[in-house]
Amino acid sequence: MDTVNMIKTSSYHHGNLREQILQTAFELLDDEGIDGVGIRKIARLLGVAHSAPANHFKNKKALFTALATESFRHLVSIIEKETPGETSNFKLAIHSFSNTIFEFGLKYPNRYKLLWRREYSDDQDGELGAARDNIYAQLTAILSEHARKKQVDVESQAIAFWSLIHGYVLLRLDENLNEGYDEVTGIKRQIAIIDVLIDGIIE
């Protein structure tokens, strides 16, 4: 059953409008993309006045800022869960981090794209900035603990990993790259490309 259509028949409970707005916005984002999310459309689906969402989100940018913030927080929570608490195994830690990003981006393509479309959200919002920085901090923490080669600093290493991870996800989402396997090792391509960078840092 269409999840968005389910909203039309569900009852609105006073006091949790903000949460229902976000839930409906995420469903529209997942199903229809960024352009499919509209405050008036959400109000109609929830059966409330078109002006009601303004009590929580003054405009569309405020709504997208909240969606991006929640998406970043969700992604961070998955990273913290999947990345081993004991990070003595650098390869395991960095693969857990990268695979979490890969899987999130491929499972929620429209949410992932929204994270990096700064024209849609308020880049000066403190909560959004903190949530975004938290992901990068997870990566630099892993690299700071384990990087052995010092030809470049941790920041450069982090940018290299992030560029590879982000670029791979976008190539897959834009259908410029299909899922594949490394012909030498037989492992998934998304794992093999991370190994290339790992070998350059720890060997």
N, C-alpha and C. Protein backbone atom coordinates (compact mmCIF):
# COMPACT_ATOMS: atom_id res chain seq x y z
N MET A 1 0.85 -1.20 0.00
CA MET A 1 0.00 0.00 0.00
C MET A 1 0.88 1.24 0.00
N ASP A 2 0.49 2.24 -0.76
CA ASP A 2 1.23 3.49 -0.85
C ASP A 2 1.27 4.17 0.52
N THR A 3 2.50 4.43 1.01
CA THR A 3 2.64 5.00 2.35
C THR A 3 2.09 6.41 2.42
N VAL A 4 2.22 7.16 1.32
CA VAL A 4 1.70 8.52 1.33
C VAL A 4 0.19 8.52 1.39
N ASN A 5 -0.44 7.61 0.67
CA ASN A 5 -1.90 7.52 0.72
C ASN A 5 -2.40 7.15 2.10
N MET A 6 -1.60 6.41 2.84
CA MET A 6 -1.99 6.03 4.20
C MET A 6 -2.15 7.26 5.08
N ILE A 7 -1.35 8.31 4.80
CA ILE A 7 -1.44 9.53 5.59
C ILE A 7 -2.81 10.15 5.45
N LYS A 8 -3.41 10.04 4.27
CA LYS A 8 -4.69 10.68 4.01
C LYS A 8 -5.80 10.14 4.91
N THR A 9 -5.67 8.86 5.26
CA THR A 9 -6.74 8.24 6.03
C THR A 9 -6.42 8.16 7.51
N SER A 10 -5.18 8.54 7.88
CA SER A 10 -4.82 8.49 9.29
C SER A 10 -5.30 9.75 9.99
N SER A 11 -5.58 9.64 11.28
CA SER A 11 -6.10 10.78 12.03
C SER A 11 -4.95 11.61 12.59
N TYR A 12 -5.13 12.89 12.59
CA TYR A 12 -4.14 13.79 13.15
C TYR A 12 -4.40 13.97 14.64
N HIS A 13 -3.36 13.79 15.42
CA HIS A 13 -3.48 13.92 16.87
C HIS A 13 -2.85 15.23 17.31
N HIS A 14 -3.62 16.04 17.99
CA HIS A 14 -3.14 17.33 18.44
C HIS A 14 -1.91 17.17 19.32
N GLY A 15 -0.91 18.00 19.06
CA GLY A 15 0.28 17.99 19.89
C GLY A 15 1.49 17.38 19.23
N ASN A 16 1.30 16.62 18.15
CA ASN A 16 2.45 16.03 17.48
C ASN A 16 2.49 16.42 16.01
N LEU A 17 2.01 17.61 15.70
CA LEU A 17 1.96 18.04 14.32
C LEU A 17 3.35 18.12 13.71
N ARG A 18 4.31 18.63 14.46
CA ARG A 18 5.67 18.75 13.90
C ARG A 18 6.19 17.38 13.46
N GLU A 19 6.01 16.37 14.29
CA GLU A 19 6.50 15.04 13.96
C GLU A 19 5.77 14.48 12.74
N GLN A 20 4.46 14.74 12.66
CA GLN A 20 3.71 14.23 11.51
C GLN A 20 4.08 14.96 10.23
N ILE A 21 4.40 16.24 10.34
CA ILE A 21 4.87 16.97 9.17
C ILE A 21 6.17 16.36 8.66
N LEU A 22 7.09 16.11 9.57
CA LEU A 22 8.37 15.52 9.18
C LEU A 22 8.19 14.13 8.59
N GLN A 23 7.35 13.32 9.21
CA GLN A 23 7.10 11.98 8.71
C GLN A 23 6.55 12.02 7.29
N THR A 24 5.56 12.87 7.08
CA THR A 24 4.95 12.99 5.76
C THR A 24 5.94 13.55 4.75
N ALA A 25 6.74 14.51 5.18
CA ALA A 25 7.75 15.10 4.28
C ALA A 25 8.77 14.05 3.86
N PHE A 26 9.19 13.21 4.79
CA PHE A 26 10.13 12.15 4.45
C PHE A 26 9.51 11.17 3.45
N GLU A 27 8.24 10.85 3.63
CA GLU A 27 7.57 9.93 2.71
C GLU A 27 7.47 10.53 1.31
N LEU A 28 7.16 11.81 1.26
CA LEU A 28 7.11 12.48 -0.04
C LEU A 28 8.50 12.56 -0.66
N LEU A 29 9.49 12.86 0.15
CA LEU A 29 10.87 12.94 -0.33
C LEU A 29 11.31 11.60 -0.90
N ASP A 30 11.03 10.52 -0.18
CA ASP A 30 11.43 9.19 -0.64
C ASP A 30 10.71 8.80 -1.93
N ASP A 31 9.43 9.14 -2.03
CA ASP A 31 8.62 8.70 -3.16
C ASP A 31 8.72 9.61 -4.38
N GLU A 32 8.84 10.92 -4.13
CA GLU A 32 8.74 11.87 -5.24
C GLU A 32 9.97 12.75 -5.42
N GLY A 33 10.92 12.66 -4.53
CA GLY A 33 12.11 13.49 -4.64
C GLY A 33 11.93 14.85 -4.01
N ILE A 34 12.97 15.66 -4.08
CA ILE A 34 12.97 16.98 -3.44
C ILE A 34 11.84 17.86 -3.96
N ASP A 35 11.62 17.82 -5.27
CA ASP A 35 10.59 18.68 -5.86
C ASP A 35 9.18 18.26 -5.46
N GLY A 36 9.03 17.05 -4.94
CA GLY A 36 7.70 16.56 -4.56
C GLY A 36 7.27 16.97 -3.16
N VAL A 37 8.16 17.62 -2.43
CA VAL A 37 7.86 18.02 -1.05
C VAL A 37 7.34 19.46 -1.04
N GLY A 38 6.16 19.65 -0.51
CA GLY A 38 5.59 20.99 -0.41
C GLY A 38 4.78 21.13 0.86
N ILE A 39 4.86 22.29 1.49
CA ILE A 39 4.16 22.50 2.76
C ILE A 39 2.64 22.42 2.59
N ARG A 40 2.11 23.01 1.53
CA ARG A 40 0.67 22.96 1.30
C ARG A 40 0.22 21.51 1.03
N LYS A 41 1.02 20.77 0.31
CA LYS A 41 0.69 19.38 0.03
C LYS A 41 0.67 18.57 1.32
N ILE A 42 1.65 18.82 2.18
CA ILE A 42 1.71 18.11 3.46
C ILE A 42 0.49 18.44 4.32
N ALA A 43 0.13 19.72 4.36
CA ALA A 43 -1.04 20.13 5.14
C ALA A 43 -2.29 19.43 4.61
N ARG A 44 -2.42 19.34 3.31
CA ARG A 44 -3.58 18.67 2.72
C ARG A 44 -3.62 17.19 3.08
N LEU A 45 -2.46 16.54 3.02
CA LEU A 45 -2.40 15.11 3.35
C LEU A 45 -2.73 14.87 4.82
N LEU A 46 -2.35 15.81 5.67
CA LEU A 46 -2.62 15.66 7.10
C LEU A 46 -4.00 16.15 7.49
N GLY A 47 -4.67 16.83 6.58
CA GLY A 47 -6.01 17.32 6.88
C GLY A 47 -6.03 18.50 7.82
N VAL A 48 -4.98 19.35 7.74
CA VAL A 48 -4.94 20.54 8.58
C VAL A 48 -4.93 21.78 7.69
N ALA A 49 -5.13 22.93 8.28
CA ALA A 49 -5.13 24.18 7.53
C ALA A 49 -3.76 24.40 6.90
N HIS A 50 -3.76 25.04 5.73
CA HIS A 50 -2.50 25.29 5.04
C HIS A 50 -1.55 26.13 5.88
N SER A 51 -2.09 26.92 6.79
CA SER A 51 -1.26 27.78 7.63
C SER A 51 -0.70 27.07 8.86
N ALA A 52 -1.24 25.90 9.19
CA ALA A 52 -0.85 25.20 10.41
C ALA A 52 0.64 24.84 10.45
N PRO A 53 1.24 24.32 9.37
CA PRO A 53 2.66 23.97 9.43
C PRO A 53 3.58 25.15 9.73
N ALA A 54 3.10 26.39 9.45
CA ALA A 54 3.94 27.58 9.68
C ALA A 54 4.27 27.76 11.15
N ASN A 55 3.50 27.15 12.04
CA ASN A 55 3.80 27.23 13.46
C ASN A 55 5.07 26.47 13.81
N HIS A 56 5.48 25.58 12.91
CA HIS A 56 6.68 24.77 13.15
C HIS A 56 7.77 25.03 12.12
N PHE A 57 7.38 25.33 10.90
CA PHE A 57 8.35 25.59 9.83
C PHE A 57 7.87 26.81 9.06
N LYS A 58 8.60 27.89 9.18
CA LYS A 58 8.13 29.16 8.61
C LYS A 58 8.12 29.16 7.10
N ASN A 59 8.95 28.31 6.49
CA ASN A 59 8.97 28.21 5.04
C ASN A 59 9.57 26.86 4.63
N LYS A 60 9.65 26.64 3.33
CA LYS A 60 10.13 25.36 2.82
C LYS A 60 11.59 25.12 3.18
N LYS A 61 12.38 26.18 3.20
CA LYS A 61 13.80 26.02 3.56
C LYS A 61 13.93 25.53 5.00
N ALA A 62 13.10 26.02 5.89
CA ALA A 62 13.13 25.57 7.28
C ALA A 62 12.76 24.10 7.37
N LEU A 63 11.81 23.68 6.56
CA LEU A 63 11.41 22.27 6.55
C LEU A 63 12.54 21.41 6.03
N PHE A 64 13.16 21.82 4.93
CA PHE A 64 14.27 21.04 4.37
C PHE A 64 15.46 21.01 5.33
N THR A 65 15.67 22.10 6.06
CA THR A 65 16.74 22.13 7.05
C THR A 65 16.50 21.09 8.13
N ALA A 66 15.27 20.97 8.57
CA ALA A 66 14.92 19.96 9.58
C ALA A 66 15.07 18.56 9.01
N LEU A 67 14.66 18.35 7.77
CA LEU A 67 14.80 17.03 7.15
C LEU A 67 16.27 16.64 7.02
N ALA A 68 17.10 17.58 6.60
CA ALA A 68 18.53 17.30 6.46
C ALA A 68 19.16 17.02 7.82
N THR A 69 18.78 17.80 8.83
CA THR A 69 19.33 17.60 10.18
C THR A 69 18.97 16.23 10.71
N GLU A 70 17.71 15.84 10.57
CA GLU A 70 17.27 14.53 11.04
C GLU A 70 17.95 13.41 10.27
N SER A 71 18.17 13.62 8.98
CA SER A 71 18.83 12.60 8.16
C SER A 71 20.28 12.42 8.57
N PHE A 72 20.97 13.54 8.83
CA PHE A 72 22.35 13.46 9.31
C PHE A 72 22.40 12.72 10.65
N ARG A 73 21.49 13.06 11.54
CA ARG A 73 21.47 12.41 12.86
C ARG A 73 21.20 10.92 12.73
N HIS A 74 20.28 10.56 11.85
CA HIS A 74 19.99 9.15 11.61
C HIS A 74 21.22 8.44 11.10
N LEU A 75 21.91 9.05 10.15
CA LEU A 75 23.11 8.44 9.59
C LEU A 75 24.20 8.29 10.65
N VAL A 76 24.38 9.30 11.49
CA VAL A 76 25.37 9.23 12.56
C VAL A 76 25.04 8.10 13.53
N SER A 77 23.76 7.95 13.86
CA SER A 77 23.36 6.90 14.79
C SER A 77 23.68 5.51 14.22
N ILE A 78 23.51 5.35 12.91
CA ILE A 78 23.84 4.07 12.28
C ILE A 78 25.34 3.85 12.30
N ILE A 79 26.10 4.90 12.00
CA ILE A 79 27.57 4.79 12.01
C ILE A 79 28.06 4.38 13.39
N GLU A 80 27.52 5.02 14.42
CA GLU A 80 27.94 4.71 15.79
C GLU A 80 27.58 3.28 16.17
N LYS A 81 26.47 2.80 15.64
CA LYS A 81 26.05 1.43 15.94
C LYS A 81 26.89 0.41 15.19
N GLU A 82 27.20 0.71 13.93
CA GLU A 82 27.89 -0.26 13.08
C GLU A 82 29.40 -0.23 13.23
N THR A 83 29.96 0.94 13.55
CA THR A 83 31.41 1.03 13.71
C THR A 83 31.80 0.47 15.06
N PRO A 84 32.72 -0.47 15.09
CA PRO A 84 33.09 -1.12 16.35
C PRO A 84 33.54 -0.12 17.41
N GLY A 85 33.08 -0.35 18.63
CA GLY A 85 33.51 0.50 19.73
C GLY A 85 35.00 0.37 19.97
N GLU A 86 35.50 -0.83 19.81
CA GLU A 86 36.94 -1.07 19.90
C GLU A 86 37.52 -0.91 18.49
N THR A 87 38.17 0.20 18.24
CA THR A 87 38.61 0.52 16.89
C THR A 87 40.07 0.14 16.63
N SER A 88 40.55 -0.89 17.32
CA SER A 88 41.94 -1.30 17.11
C SER A 88 42.15 -1.84 15.72
N ASN A 89 41.08 -2.34 15.09
CA ASN A 89 41.17 -2.85 13.73
C ASN A 89 40.78 -1.72 12.78
N PHE A 90 41.78 -1.06 12.23
CA PHE A 90 41.52 0.09 11.37
C PHE A 90 40.70 -0.29 10.15
N LYS A 91 41.07 -1.39 9.53
CA LYS A 91 40.38 -1.79 8.30
C LYS A 91 38.90 -2.06 8.57
N LEU A 92 38.61 -2.72 9.68
CA LEU A 92 37.21 -3.00 10.03
C LEU A 92 36.46 -1.71 10.31
N ALA A 93 37.09 -0.79 11.04
CA ALA A 93 36.43 0.47 11.40
C ALA A 93 36.13 1.31 10.17
N ILE A 94 37.09 1.44 9.26
CA ILE A 94 36.88 2.30 8.09
C ILE A 94 35.89 1.66 7.12
N HIS A 95 35.90 0.33 7.01
CA HIS A 95 34.91 -0.33 6.16
C HIS A 95 33.52 -0.20 6.74
N SER A 96 33.40 -0.29 8.05
CA SER A 96 32.09 -0.12 8.68
C SER A 96 31.55 1.28 8.41
N PHE A 97 32.43 2.27 8.51
CA PHE A 97 32.03 3.65 8.24
C PHE A 97 31.59 3.81 6.79
N SER A 98 32.44 3.40 5.87
CA SER A 98 32.15 3.61 4.45
C SER A 98 30.94 2.81 3.99
N ASN A 99 30.82 1.56 4.44
CA ASN A 99 29.67 0.75 4.02
C ASN A 99 28.36 1.33 4.55
N THR A 100 28.40 1.94 5.72
CA THR A 100 27.19 2.58 6.26
C THR A 100 26.76 3.72 5.34
N ILE A 101 27.72 4.54 4.90
CA ILE A 101 27.39 5.63 3.99
C ILE A 101 26.87 5.08 2.66
N PHE A 102 27.55 4.07 2.12
CA PHE A 102 27.12 3.46 0.86
C PHE A 102 25.67 2.97 0.97
N GLU A 103 25.40 2.21 2.00
CA GLU A 103 24.08 1.59 2.14
C GLU A 103 22.99 2.63 2.38
N PHE A 104 23.29 3.65 3.17
CA PHE A 104 22.31 4.71 3.41
C PHE A 104 22.00 5.44 2.12
N GLY A 105 23.04 5.81 1.38
CA GLY A 105 22.85 6.56 0.15
C GLY A 105 22.06 5.79 -0.89
N LEU A 106 22.31 4.50 -0.99
CA LEU A 106 21.62 3.68 -1.99
C LEU A 106 20.21 3.33 -1.55
N LYS A 107 19.97 3.25 -0.24
CA LYS A 107 18.64 2.94 0.27
C LYS A 107 17.74 4.17 0.26
N TYR A 108 18.32 5.33 0.59
CA TYR A 108 17.56 6.58 0.65
C TYR A 108 18.19 7.61 -0.30
N PRO A 109 18.09 7.39 -1.59
CA PRO A 109 18.78 8.28 -2.54
C PRO A 109 18.38 9.73 -2.44
N ASN A 110 17.10 10.00 -2.26
CA ASN A 110 16.65 11.40 -2.20
C ASN A 110 17.05 12.07 -0.90
N ARG A 111 17.06 11.33 0.18
CA ARG A 111 17.53 11.89 1.45
C ARG A 111 19.02 12.20 1.35
N TYR A 112 19.76 11.28 0.75
CA TYR A 112 21.20 11.48 0.62
C TYR A 112 21.51 12.71 -0.22
N LYS A 113 20.80 12.87 -1.33
CA LYS A 113 21.04 14.02 -2.19
C LYS A 113 20.70 15.32 -1.46
N LEU A 114 19.63 15.31 -0.66
CA LEU A 114 19.25 16.51 0.08
C LEU A 114 20.34 16.94 1.05
N LEU A 115 21.06 15.98 1.64
CA LEU A 115 22.10 16.30 2.61
C LEU A 115 23.13 17.28 2.03
N TRP A 116 23.40 17.17 0.74
CA TRP A 116 24.49 17.93 0.14
C TRP A 116 24.01 19.05 -0.79
N ARG A 117 22.67 19.24 -0.86
CA ARG A 117 22.13 20.33 -1.68
C ARG A 117 21.91 21.54 -0.77
N ARG A 118 22.95 22.30 -0.57
CA ARG A 118 22.92 23.38 0.41
C ARG A 118 21.97 24.51 0.03
N GLU A 119 21.62 24.59 -1.24
CA GLU A 119 20.70 25.66 -1.63
C GLU A 119 19.29 25.44 -1.09
N TYR A 120 18.99 24.21 -0.65
CA TYR A 120 17.66 23.91 -0.14
C TYR A 120 17.52 24.13 1.36
N SER A 121 18.63 24.17 2.08
CA SER A 121 18.57 24.27 3.53
C SER A 121 19.33 25.51 4.02
N ASP A 122 19.14 25.82 5.30
CA ASP A 122 19.79 26.97 5.91
C ASP A 122 21.17 26.56 6.39
N ASP A 123 22.18 26.93 5.62
CA ASP A 123 23.54 26.50 5.93
C ASP A 123 24.08 27.11 7.21
N GLN A 124 23.40 28.14 7.72
CA GLN A 124 23.84 28.80 8.96
C GLN A 124 23.17 28.20 10.19
N ASP A 125 22.29 27.22 9.99
CA ASP A 125 21.59 26.61 11.11
C ASP A 125 22.56 25.81 11.97
N GLY A 126 22.60 26.10 13.25
CA GLY A 126 23.56 25.46 14.15
C GLY A 126 23.36 23.97 14.30
N GLU A 127 22.11 23.54 14.41
CA GLU A 127 21.85 22.11 14.59
C GLU A 127 22.22 21.33 13.33
N LEU A 128 21.93 21.88 12.17
CA LEU A 128 22.30 21.22 10.92
C LEU A 128 23.82 21.13 10.80
N GLY A 129 24.50 22.23 11.11
CA GLY A 129 25.96 22.23 11.02
C GLY A 129 26.59 21.22 11.96
N ALA A 130 26.06 21.13 13.17
CA ALA A 130 26.60 20.18 14.15
C ALA A 130 26.38 18.74 13.70
N ALA A 131 25.20 18.47 13.16
CA ALA A 131 24.89 17.12 12.70
C ALA A 131 25.78 16.73 11.53
N ARG A 132 26.02 17.67 10.62
CA ARG A 132 26.90 17.40 9.47
C ARG A 132 28.33 17.18 9.93
N ASP A 133 28.80 18.04 10.82
CA ASP A 133 30.18 17.94 11.29
C ASP A 133 30.43 16.65 12.06
N ASN A 134 29.39 16.13 12.70
CA ASN A 134 29.52 14.91 13.49
C ASN A 134 29.94 13.73 12.63
N ILE A 135 29.41 13.65 11.41
CA ILE A 135 29.78 12.56 10.51
C ILE A 135 31.25 12.65 10.16
N TYR A 136 31.69 13.85 9.79
CA TYR A 136 33.09 14.05 9.42
C TYR A 136 34.00 13.76 10.60
N ALA A 137 33.55 14.11 11.80
CA ALA A 137 34.34 13.86 12.99
C ALA A 137 34.54 12.37 13.24
N GLN A 138 33.52 11.58 12.90
CA GLN A 138 33.64 10.12 13.05
C GLN A 138 34.79 9.60 12.18
N LEU A 139 34.85 10.11 10.95
CA LEU A 139 35.89 9.67 10.01
C LEU A 139 37.27 10.13 10.47
N THR A 140 37.41 11.39 10.85
CA THR A 140 38.73 11.88 11.26
C THR A 140 39.21 11.22 12.54
N ALA A 141 38.28 10.82 13.40
CA ALA A 141 38.67 10.13 14.64
C ALA A 141 39.31 8.78 14.31
N ILE A 142 38.72 8.06 13.37
CA ILE A 142 39.26 6.77 12.97
C ILE A 142 40.65 6.96 12.36
N LEU A 143 40.80 7.94 11.49
CA LEU A 143 42.07 8.17 10.82
C LEU A 143 43.13 8.67 11.79
N SER A 144 42.75 9.51 12.73
CA SER A 144 43.71 10.05 13.69
C SER A 144 44.31 8.95 14.54
N GLU A 145 43.52 7.94 14.84
CA GLU A 145 43.98 6.86 15.71
C GLU A 145 44.87 5.87 14.98
N HIS A 146 44.64 5.72 13.66
CA HIS A 146 45.29 4.61 12.97
C HIS A 146 46.26 4.99 11.86
N ALA A 147 46.17 6.19 11.33
CA ALA A 147 47.02 6.53 10.19
C ALA A 147 48.49 6.47 10.58
N ARG A 148 49.28 5.79 9.77
CA ARG A 148 50.70 5.63 10.07
C ARG A 148 51.57 6.51 9.18
N LYS A 149 51.20 6.58 7.90
CA LYS A 149 51.98 7.40 6.99
C LYS A 149 51.70 8.87 7.26
N LYS A 150 52.75 9.67 7.27
CA LYS A 150 52.59 11.08 7.62
C LYS A 150 52.97 12.00 6.45
N GLN A 151 52.95 11.48 5.20
CA GLN A 151 53.24 12.34 4.06
C GLN A 151 52.20 13.45 3.95
N VAL A 152 50.98 13.15 4.36
CA VAL A 152 49.92 14.15 4.37
C VAL A 152 49.22 14.08 5.72
N ASP A 153 48.50 15.15 6.08
CA ASP A 153 47.84 15.17 7.37
C ASP A 153 46.51 14.42 7.34
N VAL A 154 45.92 14.27 8.52
CA VAL A 154 44.66 13.53 8.66
C VAL A 154 43.55 14.18 7.84
N GLU A 155 43.56 15.51 7.78
CA GLU A 155 42.54 16.22 7.02
C GLU A 155 42.58 15.81 5.55
N SER A 156 43.77 15.72 4.98
CA SER A 156 43.89 15.32 3.58
C SER A 156 43.44 13.88 3.39
N GLN A 157 43.77 13.03 4.34
CA GLN A 157 43.34 11.64 4.27
C GLN A 157 41.82 11.53 4.34
N ALA A 158 41.23 12.33 5.24
CA ALA A 158 39.78 12.31 5.39
C ALA A 158 39.09 12.79 4.11
N ILE A 159 39.63 13.83 3.50
CA ILE A 159 39.05 14.35 2.25
C ILE A 159 39.15 13.29 1.16
N ALA A 160 40.26 12.56 1.12
CA ALA A 160 40.42 11.51 0.11
C ALA A 160 39.37 10.42 0.29
N PHE A 161 39.18 9.96 1.53
CA PHE A 161 38.18 8.93 1.79
C PHE A 161 36.78 9.45 1.49
N TRP A 162 36.49 10.68 1.97
CA TRP A 162 35.14 11.22 1.79
C TRP A 162 34.83 11.43 0.31
N SER A 163 35.81 11.91 -0.44
CA SER A 163 35.61 12.11 -1.88
C SER A 163 35.32 10.80 -2.58
N LEU A 164 36.01 9.75 -2.19
CA LEU A 164 35.80 8.44 -2.80
C LEU A 164 34.42 7.89 -2.43
N ILE A 165 34.06 7.97 -1.16
CA ILE A 165 32.77 7.45 -0.71
C ILE A 165 31.63 8.21 -1.36
N HIS A 166 31.68 9.54 -1.27
CA HIS A 166 30.61 10.38 -1.80
C HIS A 166 30.51 10.24 -3.32
N GLY A 167 31.66 10.24 -3.97
CA GLY A 167 31.66 10.11 -5.43
C GLY A 167 31.09 8.79 -5.89
N TYR A 168 31.41 7.71 -5.19
CA TYR A 168 30.89 6.40 -5.56
C TYR A 168 29.37 6.36 -5.43
N VAL A 169 28.86 6.90 -4.33
CA VAL A 169 27.40 6.91 -4.12
C VAL A 169 26.71 7.69 -5.23
N LEU A 170 27.23 8.87 -5.56
CA LEU A 170 26.59 9.68 -6.59
C LEU A 170 26.67 9.02 -7.96
N LEU A 171 27.77 8.37 -8.26
CA LEU A 171 27.88 7.65 -9.53
C LEU A 171 26.84 6.53 -9.62
N ARG A 172 26.64 5.84 -8.51
CA ARG A 172 25.62 4.79 -8.48
C ARG A 172 24.21 5.38 -8.61
N LEU A 173 23.94 6.45 -7.89
CA LEU A 173 22.60 7.04 -7.90
C LEU A 173 22.26 7.63 -9.26
N ASP A 174 23.28 8.16 -9.95
CA ASP A 174 23.05 8.74 -11.28
C ASP A 174 23.13 7.69 -12.38
N GLU A 175 23.29 6.44 -11.98
CA GLU A 175 23.34 5.30 -12.91
C GLU A 175 24.50 5.41 -13.90
N ASN A 176 25.58 6.05 -13.46
CA ASN A 176 26.79 6.08 -14.24
C ASN A 176 27.74 4.95 -13.88
N LEU A 177 27.35 4.19 -12.86
CA LEU A 177 28.16 3.07 -12.40
C LEU A 177 27.23 2.01 -11.82
N ASN A 178 27.46 0.77 -12.20
CA ASN A 178 26.67 -0.34 -11.67
C ASN A 178 27.44 -1.05 -10.57
N GLU A 179 26.71 -1.76 -9.72
CA GLU A 179 27.38 -2.56 -8.71
C GLU A 179 28.23 -3.61 -9.40
N GLY A 180 29.46 -3.77 -8.94
CA GLY A 180 30.36 -4.74 -9.57
C GLY A 180 31.27 -5.39 -8.56
N TYR A 181 32.12 -6.26 -9.06
CA TYR A 181 33.05 -7.00 -8.21
C TYR A 181 34.45 -6.87 -8.78
N ASP A 182 35.43 -6.78 -7.89
CA ASP A 182 36.81 -6.69 -8.29
C ASP A 182 37.23 -8.01 -8.94
N GLU A 183 37.86 -7.93 -10.10
CA GLU A 183 38.20 -9.15 -10.83
C GLU A 183 39.36 -9.92 -10.22
N VAL A 184 40.17 -9.26 -9.42
CA VAL A 184 41.31 -9.93 -8.79
C VAL A 184 40.90 -10.62 -7.49
N THR A 185 40.21 -9.87 -6.62
CA THR A 185 39.86 -10.40 -5.30
C THR A 185 38.48 -11.04 -5.25
N GLY A 186 37.60 -10.63 -6.16
CA GLY A 186 36.23 -11.15 -6.14
C GLY A 186 35.32 -10.45 -5.15
N ILE A 187 35.84 -9.45 -4.45
CA ILE A 187 35.01 -8.75 -3.47
C ILE A 187 34.24 -7.61 -4.16
N LYS A 188 33.21 -7.10 -3.47
CA LYS A 188 32.42 -6.02 -4.04
C LYS A 188 33.31 -4.82 -4.35
N ARG A 189 32.98 -4.14 -5.45
CA ARG A 189 33.77 -3.00 -5.87
C ARG A 189 33.82 -1.92 -4.79
N GLN A 190 32.71 -1.70 -4.09
CA GLN A 190 32.69 -0.64 -3.08
C GLN A 190 33.63 -0.95 -1.92
N ILE A 191 33.91 -2.23 -1.69
CA ILE A 191 34.87 -2.60 -0.67
C ILE A 191 36.29 -2.48 -1.20
N ALA A 192 36.47 -2.90 -2.45
CA ALA A 192 37.80 -2.89 -3.07
C ALA A 192 38.37 -1.48 -3.20
N ILE A 193 37.53 -0.52 -3.55
CA ILE A 193 38.05 0.84 -3.73
C ILE A 193 38.48 1.45 -2.39
N ILE A 194 37.83 1.06 -1.32
CA ILE A 194 38.25 1.53 0.00
C ILE A 194 39.57 0.88 0.39
N ASP A 195 39.74 -0.39 0.04
CA ASP A 195 41.00 -1.09 0.33
C ASP A 195 42.19 -0.40 -0.33
N VAL A 196 41.95 0.16 -1.52
CA VAL A 196 43.04 0.86 -2.22
C VAL A 196 43.57 2.00 -1.36
N LEU A 197 42.66 2.77 -0.76
CA LEU A 197 43.09 3.89 0.09
C LEU A 197 43.67 3.39 1.41
N ILE A 198 43.07 2.37 1.97
CA ILE A 198 43.58 1.82 3.23
C ILE A 198 45.03 1.38 3.07
N ASP A 199 45.31 0.68 1.98
CA ASP A 199 46.67 0.20 1.74
C ASP A 199 47.66 1.36 1.63
N GLY A 200 47.20 2.46 1.09
CA GLY A 200 48.09 3.61 0.94
C GLY A 200 48.35 4.34 2.25
N ILE A 201 47.50 4.10 3.26
CA ILE A 201 47.65 4.80 4.53
C ILE A 201 48.38 3.98 5.58
N ILE A 202 48.12 2.68 5.61
CA ILE A 202 48.67 1.88 6.72
C ILE A 202 49.88 1.05 6.34
N GLU A 203 50.17 0.96 5.05
CA GLU A 203 51.33 0.14 4.69
C GLU A 203 52.60 0.99 4.65
